[in-house]
Amino acid sequence: MDDQFLMEIMEINEKLAEAQNEAAIEEIESTVRAKQNEFTEHVSKAFEQDDFEKAKEILTKMRYFSNVQEKIKLKKTPL
């Protein structure tokens, strides 16, 4: 995993941890959803080109964002 990507994930997780209202959470969720859509397009292209290493890398990144999406769901769900 490249350092820039890991920093991006850390920043998103920090923003989510600090989010105090629904609007802040929605903004983070929108960013994560956009990234997931972007990765979906890229992974499709990688598979079409039989570039399985690239597809594996993208799928790994998607998993990180999927974990963030789960954290968002938990934060939105009242205890």
Protein backbone atom coordinates (compact mmCIF):
# COMPACT_ATOMS: atom_id res chain seq x y z
CA MET A 1 0.00 0.00 0.00
CA ASP A 2 1.38 3.38 -0.90
CA ASP A 3 1.91 5.98 1.81
CA GLN A 4 -0.36 8.56 0.20
CA PHE A 5 -3.30 6.15 0.18
CA LEU A 6 -2.75 5.15 3.79
CA MET A 7 -2.59 8.81 4.81
CA GLU A 8 -5.89 9.42 3.00
CA ILE A 9 -7.53 6.56 4.89
CA MET A 10 -6.14 7.83 8.20
CA GLU A 11 -7.45 11.33 7.52
CA ILE A 12 -10.91 10.04 6.64
CA ASN A 13 -10.97 7.92 9.81
CA GLU A 14 -9.91 10.93 11.89
CA LYS A 15 -12.61 13.12 10.34
CA LEU A 16 -15.18 10.42 11.04
CA ALA A 17 -14.05 10.07 14.65
CA GLU A 18 -14.32 13.84 15.11
CA ALA A 19 -17.65 14.22 13.26
CA GLN A 20 -20.16 15.76 15.63
CA ASN A 21 -23.25 15.94 13.44
CA GLU A 22 -25.13 14.24 10.65
CA ALA A 23 -23.96 16.73 8.01
CA ALA A 24 -20.29 15.98 8.72
CA ILE A 25 -20.93 12.25 8.56
CA GLU A 26 -22.88 12.65 5.30
CA GLU A 27 -19.99 14.58 3.76
CA ILE A 28 -17.54 11.81 4.66
CA GLU A 29 -19.95 9.18 3.40
CA SER A 30 -20.28 11.01 0.08
CA THR A 31 -16.50 11.14 -0.31
CA VAL A 32 -16.17 7.43 0.46
CA ARG A 33 -18.98 6.54 -1.95
CA ALA A 34 -17.32 8.55 -4.73
CA LYS A 35 -14.00 6.81 -4.12
CA GLN A 36 -15.68 3.41 -4.20
CA ASN A 37 -17.36 4.27 -7.52
CA GLU A 38 -14.02 5.39 -8.93
CA PHE A 39 -12.32 2.19 -7.78
CA THR A 40 -15.14 0.09 -9.25
CA GLU A 41 -14.52 1.65 -12.67
CA HIS A 42 -10.77 1.11 -12.37
CA VAL A 43 -11.05 -2.49 -11.24
CA SER A 44 -13.39 -3.25 -14.15
CA LYS A 45 -10.84 -1.83 -16.58
CA ALA A 46 -8.04 -3.79 -14.93
CA PHE A 47 -9.97 -7.04 -15.32
CA GLU A 48 -10.84 -6.21 -18.93
CA GLN A 49 -7.11 -5.75 -19.61
CA ASP A 50 -6.22 -8.95 -17.71
CA ASP A 51 -4.11 -6.85 -15.34
CA PHE A 52 -4.78 -8.95 -12.27
CA GLU A 53 -2.06 -7.37 -10.15
CA LYS A 54 -3.62 -3.94 -10.67
CA ALA A 55 -7.08 -5.39 -9.95
CA LYS A 56 -5.77 -6.93 -6.72
CA GLU A 57 -4.28 -3.60 -5.65
CA ILE A 58 -7.55 -1.77 -6.35
CA LEU A 59 -9.63 -4.39 -4.57
CA THR A 60 -7.41 -4.04 -1.52
CA LYS A 61 -8.02 -0.28 -1.53
CA MET A 62 -11.74 -0.90 -1.92
CA ARG A 63 -11.65 -3.07 1.18
CA TYR A 64 -10.19 -0.20 3.21
CA PHE A 65 -13.00 2.07 2.05
CA SER A 66 -15.54 -0.65 2.75
CA ASN A 67 -14.27 -0.75 6.33
CA VAL A 68 -14.75 3.02 6.55
CA GLN A 69 -18.29 2.61 5.23
CA GLU A 70 -19.00 0.14 8.04
CA LYS A 71 -17.67 2.65 10.60
CA ILE A 72 -19.96 5.28 9.09
CA LYS A 73 -22.97 2.97 9.48
CA LEU A 74 -22.06 2.32 13.11
CA LYS A 75 -21.64 6.05 13.79
CA LYS A 76 -25.03 6.81 12.21
CA THR A 77 -26.78 4.11 14.24
CA PRO A 78 -27.81 5.37 17.67
CA LEU A 79 -26.92 3.13 20.59
